[in-house]
Amino acid sequence: MDLHEDEKANVVTATFELPGLRKEDVAIDVHNNMLSVSGESKLSSDRDENGYAVRERRYGKFSRTIPLPQGVKVSNNLYFLA
């Protein structure tokens, strides 16, 4: 997570890198001057390697809550890069 605050413009920018997640896997909420970002990763792959069945799984949840300065207006400028 990268967080940048421009006090003069009263703008806070939060950038999250969430590899392997789709926007449907991420929840973003602002309530009582708190920004909450949470999500869940469910990745699984199967392959055959030299006669062996290889199965890899990665599951996990995350959640971050960030206090926002008083008076910050929230906009829905969300960008998802593939």
PDB file of N, CA and C in Angstrom:
ATOM      1  N   MET A   1       0.845  -1.166   0.000  1.00  0.00           N
ATOM      2  CA  MET A   1       0.000   0.000   0.000  1.00  0.00           C
ATOM      3  C   MET A   1       0.896   1.236   0.000  1.00  0.00           C
ATOM      4  N   ASP A   2       0.558   2.186  -0.854  1.00  0.00           N
ATOM      5  CA  ASP A   2       1.199   3.498  -0.857  1.00  0.00           C
ATOM      6  C   ASP A   2       0.136   4.525  -0.509  1.00  0.00           C
ATOM      7  N   LEU A   3       0.476   5.457   0.345  1.00  0.00           N
ATOM      8  CA  LEU A   3      -0.463   6.486   0.775  1.00  0.00           C
ATOM      9  C   LEU A   3       0.206   7.844   0.599  1.00  0.00           C
ATOM     10  N   HIS A   4      -0.499   8.754  -0.073  1.00  0.00           N
ATOM     11  CA  HIS A   4       0.036  10.093  -0.299  1.00  0.00           C
ATOM     12  C   HIS A   4      -1.021  11.118   0.085  1.00  0.00           C
ATOM     13  N   GLU A   5      -0.605  12.120   0.861  1.00  0.00           N
ATOM     14  CA  GLU A   5      -1.521  13.177   1.275  1.00  0.00           C
ATOM     15  C   GLU A   5      -1.010  14.514   0.761  1.00  0.00           C
ATOM     16  N   ASP A   6      -1.870  15.243   0.048  1.00  0.00           N
ATOM     17  CA  ASP A   6      -1.583  16.600  -0.403  1.00  0.00           C
ATOM     18  C   ASP A   6      -2.409  17.527   0.483  1.00  0.00           C
ATOM     19  N   GLU A   7      -1.769  18.075   1.516  1.00  0.00           N
ATOM     20  CA  GLU A   7      -2.496  18.891   2.499  1.00  0.00           C
ATOM     21  C   GLU A   7      -3.084  20.159   1.882  1.00  0.00           C
ATOM     22  N   LYS A   8      -2.390  20.760   0.923  1.00  0.00           N
ATOM     23  CA  LYS A   8      -2.882  21.990   0.303  1.00  0.00           C
ATOM     24  C   LYS A   8      -4.175  21.733  -0.470  1.00  0.00           C
ATOM     25  N   ALA A   9      -4.212  20.642  -1.206  1.00  0.00           N
ATOM     26  CA  ALA A   9      -5.401  20.316  -2.006  1.00  0.00           C
ATOM     27  C   ALA A   9      -6.409  19.499  -1.211  1.00  0.00           C
ATOM     28  N   ASN A  10      -6.029  19.089   0.014  1.00  0.00           N
ATOM     29  CA  ASN A  10      -6.881  18.243   0.861  1.00  0.00           C
ATOM     30  C   ASN A  10      -7.263  16.952   0.134  1.00  0.00           C
ATOM     31  N   VAL A  11      -6.232  16.302  -0.447  1.00  0.00           N
ATOM     32  CA  VAL A  11      -6.436  15.070  -1.210  1.00  0.00           C
ATOM     33  C   VAL A  11      -5.538  13.977  -0.629  1.00  0.00           C
ATOM     34  N   VAL A  12      -6.124  12.802  -0.434  1.00  0.00           N
ATOM     35  CA  VAL A  12      -5.378  11.621  -0.006  1.00  0.00           C
ATOM     36  C   VAL A  12      -5.521  10.576  -1.101  1.00  0.00           C
ATOM     37  N   THR A  13      -4.397  10.022  -1.547  1.00  0.00           N
ATOM     38  CA  THR A  13      -4.413   8.982  -2.568  1.00  0.00           C
ATOM     39  C   THR A  13      -3.846   7.701  -1.974  1.00  0.00           C
ATOM     40  N   ALA A  14      -4.622   6.616  -2.032  1.00  0.00           N
ATOM     41  CA  ALA A  14      -4.174   5.308  -1.556  1.00  0.00           C
ATOM     42  C   ALA A  14      -4.047   4.384  -2.763  1.00  0.00           C
ATOM     43  N   THR A  15      -2.890   3.741  -2.899  1.00  0.00           N
ATOM     44  CA  THR A  15      -2.634   2.823  -4.000  1.00  0.00           C
ATOM     45  C   THR A  15      -2.323   1.451  -3.417  1.00  0.00           C
ATOM     46  N   PHE A  16      -3.038   0.448  -3.890  1.00  0.00           N
ATOM     47  CA  PHE A  16      -2.845  -0.927  -3.434  1.00  0.00           C
ATOM     48  C   PHE A  16      -2.444  -1.796  -4.618  1.00  0.00           C
ATOM     49  N   GLU A  17      -1.437  -2.631  -4.448  1.00  0.00           N
ATOM     50  CA  GLU A  17      -1.085  -3.632  -5.455  1.00  0.00           C
ATOM     51  C   GLU A  17      -1.618  -4.964  -4.950  1.00  0.00           C
ATOM     52  N   LEU A  18      -2.537  -5.543  -5.709  1.00  0.00           N
ATOM     53  CA  LEU A  18      -3.201  -6.775  -5.290  1.00  0.00           C
ATOM     54  C   LEU A  18      -3.102  -7.803  -6.410  1.00  0.00           C
ATOM     55  N   PRO A  19      -1.912  -8.374  -6.624  1.00  0.00           N
ATOM     56  CA  PRO A  19      -1.729  -9.308  -7.735  1.00  0.00           C
ATOM     57  C   PRO A  19      -2.619 -10.541  -7.594  1.00  0.00           C
ATOM     58  N   GLY A  20      -3.201 -10.924  -8.708  1.00  0.00           N
ATOM     59  CA  GLY A  20      -4.042 -12.124  -8.733  1.00  0.00           C
ATOM     60  C   GLY A  20      -5.479 -11.890  -8.324  1.00  0.00           C
ATOM     61  N   LEU A  21      -5.817 -10.679  -7.887  1.00  0.00           N
ATOM     62  CA  LEU A  21      -7.188 -10.400  -7.468  1.00  0.00           C
ATOM     63  C   LEU A  21      -7.930  -9.644  -8.564  1.00  0.00           C
ATOM     64  N   ARG A  22      -9.206  -9.949  -8.672  1.00  0.00           N
ATOM     65  CA  ARG A  22     -10.093  -9.208  -9.566  1.00  0.00           C
ATOM     66  C   ARG A  22     -10.827  -8.175  -8.730  1.00  0.00           C
ATOM     67  N   LYS A  23     -11.392  -7.165  -9.398  1.00  0.00           N
ATOM     68  CA  LYS A  23     -12.094  -6.135  -8.632  1.00  0.00           C
ATOM     69  C   LYS A  23     -13.267  -6.716  -7.859  1.00  0.00           C
ATOM     70  N   GLU A  24     -13.825  -7.838  -8.321  1.00  0.00           N
ATOM     71  CA  GLU A  24     -14.913  -8.495  -7.597  1.00  0.00           C
ATOM     72  C   GLU A  24     -14.436  -9.111  -6.280  1.00  0.00           C
ATOM     73  N   ASP A  25     -13.123  -9.312  -6.143  1.00  0.00           N
ATOM     74  CA  ASP A  25     -12.547  -9.914  -4.939  1.00  0.00           C
ATOM     75  C   ASP A  25     -12.214  -8.879  -3.865  1.00  0.00           C
ATOM     76  N   VAL A  26     -12.393  -7.579  -4.174  1.00  0.00           N
ATOM     77  CA  VAL A  26     -11.966  -6.500  -3.293  1.00  0.00           C
ATOM     78  C   VAL A  26     -13.173  -5.667  -2.860  1.00  0.00           C
ATOM     79  N   ALA A  27     -13.236  -5.337  -1.566  1.00  0.00           N
ATOM     80  CA  ALA A  27     -14.296  -4.474  -1.034  1.00  0.00           C
ATOM     81  C   ALA A  27     -13.657  -3.189  -0.519  1.00  0.00           C
ATOM     82  N   ILE A  28     -14.231  -2.044  -0.905  1.00  0.00           N
ATOM     83  CA  ILE A  28     -13.735  -0.739  -0.478  1.00  0.00           C
ATOM     84  C   ILE A  28     -14.887   0.010   0.168  1.00  0.00           C
ATOM     85  N   ASP A  29     -14.633   0.553   1.376  1.00  0.00           N
ATOM     86  CA  ASP A  29     -15.695   1.241   2.113  1.00  0.00           C
ATOM     87  C   ASP A  29     -15.104   2.450   2.840  1.00  0.00           C
ATOM     88  N   VAL A  30     -15.859   3.541   2.890  1.00  0.00           N
ATOM     89  CA  VAL A  30     -15.477   4.707   3.671  1.00  0.00           C
ATOM     90  C   VAL A  30     -16.611   4.998   4.635  1.00  0.00           C
ATOM     91  N   HIS A  31     -16.269   5.049   5.925  1.00  0.00           N
ATOM     92  CA  HIS A  31     -17.277   5.286   6.953  1.00  0.00           C
ATOM     93  C   HIS A  31     -16.600   5.970   8.136  1.00  0.00           C
ATOM     94  N   ASN A  32     -17.181   7.066   8.621  1.00  0.00           N
ATOM     95  CA  ASN A  32     -16.643   7.805   9.771  1.00  0.00           C
ATOM     96  C   ASN A  32     -15.169   8.163   9.596  1.00  0.00           C
ATOM     97  N   ASN A  33     -14.844   8.711   8.425  1.00  0.00           N
ATOM     98  CA  ASN A  33     -13.468   9.127   8.106  1.00  0.00           C
ATOM     99  C   ASN A  33     -12.453   7.982   8.187  1.00  0.00           C
ATOM    100  N   MET A  34     -12.895   6.778   7.896  1.00  0.00           N
ATOM    101  CA  MET A  34     -12.007   5.618   7.845  1.00  0.00           C
ATOM    102  C   MET A  34     -12.175   4.935   6.493  1.00  0.00           C
ATOM    103  N   LEU A  35     -11.062   4.711   5.808  1.00  0.00           N
ATOM    104  CA  LEU A  35     -11.051   3.974   4.543  1.00  0.00           C
ATOM    105  C   LEU A  35     -10.710   2.523   4.850  1.00  0.00           C
ATOM    106  N   SER A  36     -11.575   1.602   4.451  1.00  0.00           N
ATOM    107  CA  SER A  36     -11.341   0.167   4.665  1.00  0.00           C
ATOM    108  C   SER A  36     -11.259  -0.534   3.313  1.00  0.00           C
ATOM    109  N   VAL A  37     -10.205  -1.302   3.139  1.00  0.00           N
ATOM    110  CA  VAL A  37     -10.010  -2.101   1.927  1.00  0.00           C
ATOM    111  C   VAL A  37      -9.777  -3.531   2.383  1.00  0.00           C
ATOM    112  N   SER A  38     -10.558  -4.462   1.834  1.00  0.00           N
ATOM    113  CA  SER A  38     -10.398  -5.874   2.210  1.00  0.00           C
ATOM    114  C   SER A  38     -10.629  -6.739   0.981  1.00  0.00           C
ATOM    115  N   GLY A  39     -10.169  -7.963   1.068  1.00  0.00           N
ATOM    116  CA  GLY A  39     -10.342  -8.881  -0.049  1.00  0.00           C
ATOM    117  C   GLY A  39      -9.922 -10.285   0.319  1.00  0.00           C
ATOM    118  N   GLU A  40     -10.122 -11.170  -0.663  1.00  0.00           N
ATOM    119  CA  GLU A  40      -9.793 -12.576  -0.450  1.00  0.00           C
ATOM    120  C   GLU A  40      -9.212 -13.159  -1.731  1.00  0.00           C
ATOM    121  N   SER A  41      -8.124 -13.896  -1.579  1.00  0.00           N
ATOM    122  CA  SER A  41      -7.450 -14.547  -2.696  1.00  0.00           C
ATOM    123  C   SER A  41      -7.750 -16.040  -2.665  1.00  0.00           C
ATOM    124  N   LYS A  42      -8.161 -16.576  -3.813  1.00  0.00           N
ATOM    125  CA  LYS A  42      -8.412 -18.014  -3.947  1.00  0.00           C
ATOM    126  C   LYS A  42      -7.818 -18.451  -5.273  1.00  0.00           C
ATOM    127  N   LEU A  43      -6.535 -18.828  -5.255  1.00  0.00           N
ATOM    128  CA  LEU A  43      -5.863 -19.251  -6.470  1.00  0.00           C
ATOM    129  C   LEU A  43      -5.494 -20.724  -6.355  1.00  0.00           C
ATOM    130  N   SER A  44      -5.740 -21.454  -7.438  1.00  0.00           N
ATOM    131  CA  SER A  44      -5.429 -22.873  -7.460  1.00  0.00           C
ATOM    132  C   SER A  44      -4.976 -23.243  -8.867  1.00  0.00           C
ATOM    133  N   SER A  45      -3.956 -24.083  -8.973  1.00  0.00           N
ATOM    134  CA  SER A  45      -3.511 -24.554 -10.286  1.00  0.00           C
ATOM    135  C   SER A  45      -3.106 -26.019 -10.184  1.00  0.00           C
ATOM    136  N   ASP A  46      -3.397 -26.753 -11.236  1.00  0.00           N
ATOM    137  CA  ASP A  46      -3.034 -28.163 -11.350  1.00  0.00           C
ATOM    138  C   ASP A  46      -2.256 -28.350 -12.642  1.00  0.00           C
ATOM    139  N   ARG A  47      -1.202 -29.174 -12.577  1.00  0.00           N
ATOM    140  CA  ARG A  47      -0.447 -29.486 -13.795  1.00  0.00           C
ATOM    141  C   ARG A  47       0.266 -30.821 -13.618  1.00  0.00           C
ATOM    142  N   ASP A  48       0.649 -31.402 -14.738  1.00  0.00           N
ATOM    143  CA  ASP A  48       1.392 -32.656 -14.741  1.00  0.00           C
ATOM    144  C   ASP A  48       2.843 -32.324 -15.069  1.00  0.00           C
ATOM    145  N   GLU A  49       3.757 -32.745 -14.188  1.00  0.00           N
ATOM    146  CA  GLU A  49       5.169 -32.430 -14.372  1.00  0.00           C
ATOM    147  C   GLU A  49       5.986 -33.710 -14.219  1.00  0.00           C
ATOM    148  N   ASN A  50       6.494 -34.219 -15.336  1.00  0.00           N
ATOM    149  CA  ASN A  50       7.321 -35.438 -15.343  1.00  0.00           C
ATOM    150  C   ASN A  50       6.611 -36.608 -14.671  1.00  0.00           C
ATOM    151  N   GLY A  51       5.337 -36.766 -14.952  1.00  0.00           N
ATOM    152  CA  GLY A  51       4.580 -37.876 -14.392  1.00  0.00           C
ATOM    153  C   GLY A  51       4.010 -37.622 -13.001  1.00  0.00           C
ATOM    154  N   TYR A  52       4.289 -36.480 -12.419  1.00  0.00           N
ATOM    155  CA  TYR A  52       3.759 -36.135 -11.099  1.00  0.00           C
ATOM    156  C   TYR A  52       2.634 -35.114 -11.247  1.00  0.00           C
ATOM    157  N   ALA A  53       1.582 -35.320 -10.496  1.00  0.00           N
ATOM    158  CA  ALA A  53       0.506 -34.332 -10.459  1.00  0.00           C
ATOM    159  C   ALA A  53       0.910 -33.238  -9.473  1.00  0.00           C
ATOM    160  N   VAL A  54       0.986 -32.019  -9.958  1.00  0.00           N
ATOM    161  CA  VAL A  54       1.382 -30.898  -9.116  1.00  0.00           C
ATOM    162  C   VAL A  54       0.162 -30.009  -8.911  1.00  0.00           C
ATOM    163  N   ARG A  55      -0.177 -29.791  -7.657  1.00  0.00           N
ATOM    164  CA  ARG A  55      -1.305 -28.929  -7.304  1.00  0.00           C
ATOM    165  C   ARG A  55      -0.806 -27.846  -6.357  1.00  0.00           C
ATOM    166  N   GLU A  56      -1.069 -26.601  -6.744  1.00  0.00           N
ATOM    167  CA  GLU A  56      -0.683 -25.475  -5.898  1.00  0.00           C
ATOM    168  C   GLU A  56      -1.927 -24.686  -5.547  1.00  0.00           C
ATOM    169  N   ARG A  57      -1.995 -24.285  -4.272  1.00  0.00           N
ATOM    170  CA  ARG A  57      -3.139 -23.512  -3.805  1.00  0.00           C
ATOM    171  C   ARG A  57      -2.639 -22.349  -2.967  1.00  0.00           C
ATOM    172  N   ARG A  58      -3.309 -21.209  -3.131  1.00  0.00           N
ATOM    173  CA  ARG A  58      -2.980 -20.039  -2.316  1.00  0.00           C
ATOM    174  C   ARG A  58      -4.292 -19.369  -1.938  1.00  0.00           C
ATOM    175  N   TYR A  59      -4.569 -19.372  -0.653  1.00  0.00           N
ATOM    176  CA  TYR A  59      -5.784 -18.767  -0.124  1.00  0.00           C
ATOM    177  C   TYR A  59      -5.395 -17.772   0.958  1.00  0.00           C
ATOM    178  N   GLY A  60      -6.138 -16.695   1.046  1.00  0.00           N
ATOM    179  CA  GLY A  60      -5.858 -15.749   2.115  1.00  0.00           C
ATOM    180  C   GLY A  60      -6.788 -14.556   2.071  1.00  0.00           C
ATOM    181  N   LYS A  61      -6.950 -13.948   3.228  1.00  0.00           N
ATOM    182  CA  LYS A  61      -7.759 -12.744   3.352  1.00  0.00           C
ATOM    183  C   LYS A  61      -6.869 -11.620   3.845  1.00  0.00           C
ATOM    184  N   PHE A  62      -7.232 -10.394   3.500  1.00  0.00           N
ATOM    185  CA  PHE A  62      -6.516  -9.238   4.006  1.00  0.00           C
ATOM    186  C   PHE A  62      -7.514  -8.126   4.288  1.00  0.00           C
ATOM    187  N   SER A  63      -7.096  -7.195   5.139  1.00  0.00           N
ATOM    188  CA  SER A  63      -7.921  -6.039   5.470  1.00  0.00           C
ATOM    189  C   SER A  63      -7.012  -4.922   5.968  1.00  0.00           C
ATOM    190  N   ARG A  64      -7.235  -3.719   5.468  1.00  0.00           N
ATOM    191  CA  ARG A  64      -6.499  -2.543   5.918  1.00  0.00           C
ATOM    192  C   ARG A  64      -7.509  -1.432   6.180  1.00  0.00           C
ATOM    193  N   THR A  65      -7.334  -0.718   7.283  1.00  0.00           N
ATOM    194  CA  THR A  65      -8.182   0.419   7.604  1.00  0.00           C
ATOM    195  C   THR A  65      -7.277   1.613   7.858  1.00  0.00           C
ATOM    196  N   ILE A  66      -7.581   2.719   7.161  1.00  0.00           N
ATOM    197  CA  ILE A  66      -6.747   3.908   7.207  1.00  0.00           C
ATOM    198  C   ILE A  66      -7.594   5.094   7.662  1.00  0.00           C
ATOM    199  N   PRO A  67      -7.149   5.834   8.691  1.00  0.00           N
ATOM    200  CA  PRO A  67      -7.889   7.041   9.075  1.00  0.00           C
ATOM    201  C   PRO A  67      -7.670   8.138   8.033  1.00  0.00           C
ATOM    202  N   LEU A  68      -8.731   8.837   7.695  1.00  0.00           N
ATOM    203  CA  LEU A  68      -8.656   9.947   6.744  1.00  0.00           C
ATOM    204  C   LEU A  68      -8.722  11.270   7.505  1.00  0.00           C
ATOM    205  N   PRO A  69      -8.050  12.301   6.990  1.00  0.00           N
ATOM    206  CA  PRO A  69      -8.109  13.608   7.644  1.00  0.00           C
ATOM    207  C   PRO A  69      -9.538  14.174   7.628  1.00  0.00           C
ATOM    208  N   GLN A  70      -9.859  14.996   8.601  1.00  0.00           N
ATOM    209  CA  GLN A  70     -11.171  15.636   8.660  1.00  0.00           C
ATOM    210  C   GLN A  70     -11.391  16.470   7.406  1.00  0.00           C
ATOM    211  N   GLY A  71     -12.610  16.417   6.867  1.00  0.00           N
ATOM    212  CA  GLY A  71     -12.977  17.255   5.734  1.00  0.00           C
ATOM    213  C   GLY A  71     -12.631  16.695   4.377  1.00  0.00           C
ATOM    214  N   VAL A  72     -12.008  15.526   4.312  1.00  0.00           N
ATOM    215  CA  VAL A  72     -11.682  14.931   3.017  1.00  0.00           C
ATOM    216  C   VAL A  72     -12.968  14.452   2.368  1.00  0.00           C
ATOM    217  N   LYS A  73     -13.163  14.837   1.092  1.00  0.00           N
ATOM    218  CA  LYS A  73     -14.318  14.362   0.334  1.00  0.00           C
ATOM    219  C   LYS A  73     -13.906  13.125  -0.429  1.00  0.00           C
ATOM    220  N   VAL A  74     -14.765  12.137  -0.459  1.00  0.00           N
ATOM    221  CA  VAL A  74     -14.450  10.858  -1.079  1.00  0.00           C
ATOM    222  C   VAL A  74     -14.971  10.849  -2.516  1.00  0.00           C
ATOM    223  N   SER A  75     -14.116  10.428  -3.440  1.00  0.00           N
ATOM    224  CA  SER A  75     -14.534  10.241  -4.822  1.00  0.00           C
ATOM    225  C   SER A  75     -14.331   8.779  -5.184  1.00  0.00           C
ATOM    226  N   ASN A  76     -15.035   8.345  -6.172  1.00  0.00           N
ATOM    227  CA  ASN A  76     -14.959   6.946  -6.602  1.00  0.00           C
ATOM    228  C   ASN A  76     -13.994   6.780  -7.769  1.00  0.00           C
ATOM    229  N   ASN A  77     -12.806   7.324  -7.665  1.00  0.00           N
ATOM    230  CA  ASN A  77     -11.808   7.171  -8.721  1.00  0.00           C
ATOM    231  C   ASN A  77     -11.042   5.880  -8.469  1.00  0.00           C
ATOM    232  N   LEU A  78     -11.603   4.773  -8.897  1.00  0.00           N
ATOM    233  CA  LEU A  78     -10.975   3.474  -8.711  1.00  0.00           C
ATOM    234  C   LEU A  78     -10.433   2.978 -10.047  1.00  0.00           C
ATOM    235  N   TYR A  79      -9.203   2.515 -10.038  1.00  0.00           N
ATOM    236  CA  TYR A  79      -8.573   2.020 -11.254  1.00  0.00           C
ATOM    237  C   TYR A  79      -8.033   0.625 -10.989  1.00  0.00           C
ATOM    238  N   PHE A  80      -8.353  -0.295 -11.870  1.00  0.00           N
ATOM    239  CA  PHE A  80      -7.849  -1.662 -11.763  1.00  0.00           C
ATOM    240  C   PHE A  80      -7.034  -1.945 -13.015  1.00  0.00           C
ATOM    241  N   LEU A  81      -5.765  -2.270 -12.823  1.00  0.00           N
ATOM    242  CA  LEU A  81      -4.881  -2.581 -13.935  1.00  0.00           C
ATOM    243  C   LEU A  81      -4.639  -4.082 -13.969  1.00  0.00           C
ATOM    244  N   ALA A  82      -4.686  -4.642 -15.137  1.00  0.00           N
ATOM    245  CA  ALA A  82      -4.451  -6.085 -15.282  1.00  0.00           C
ATOM    246  C   ALA A  82      -2.997  -6.358 -15.504  1.00  0.00           C
TER     247      ALA A  82
END
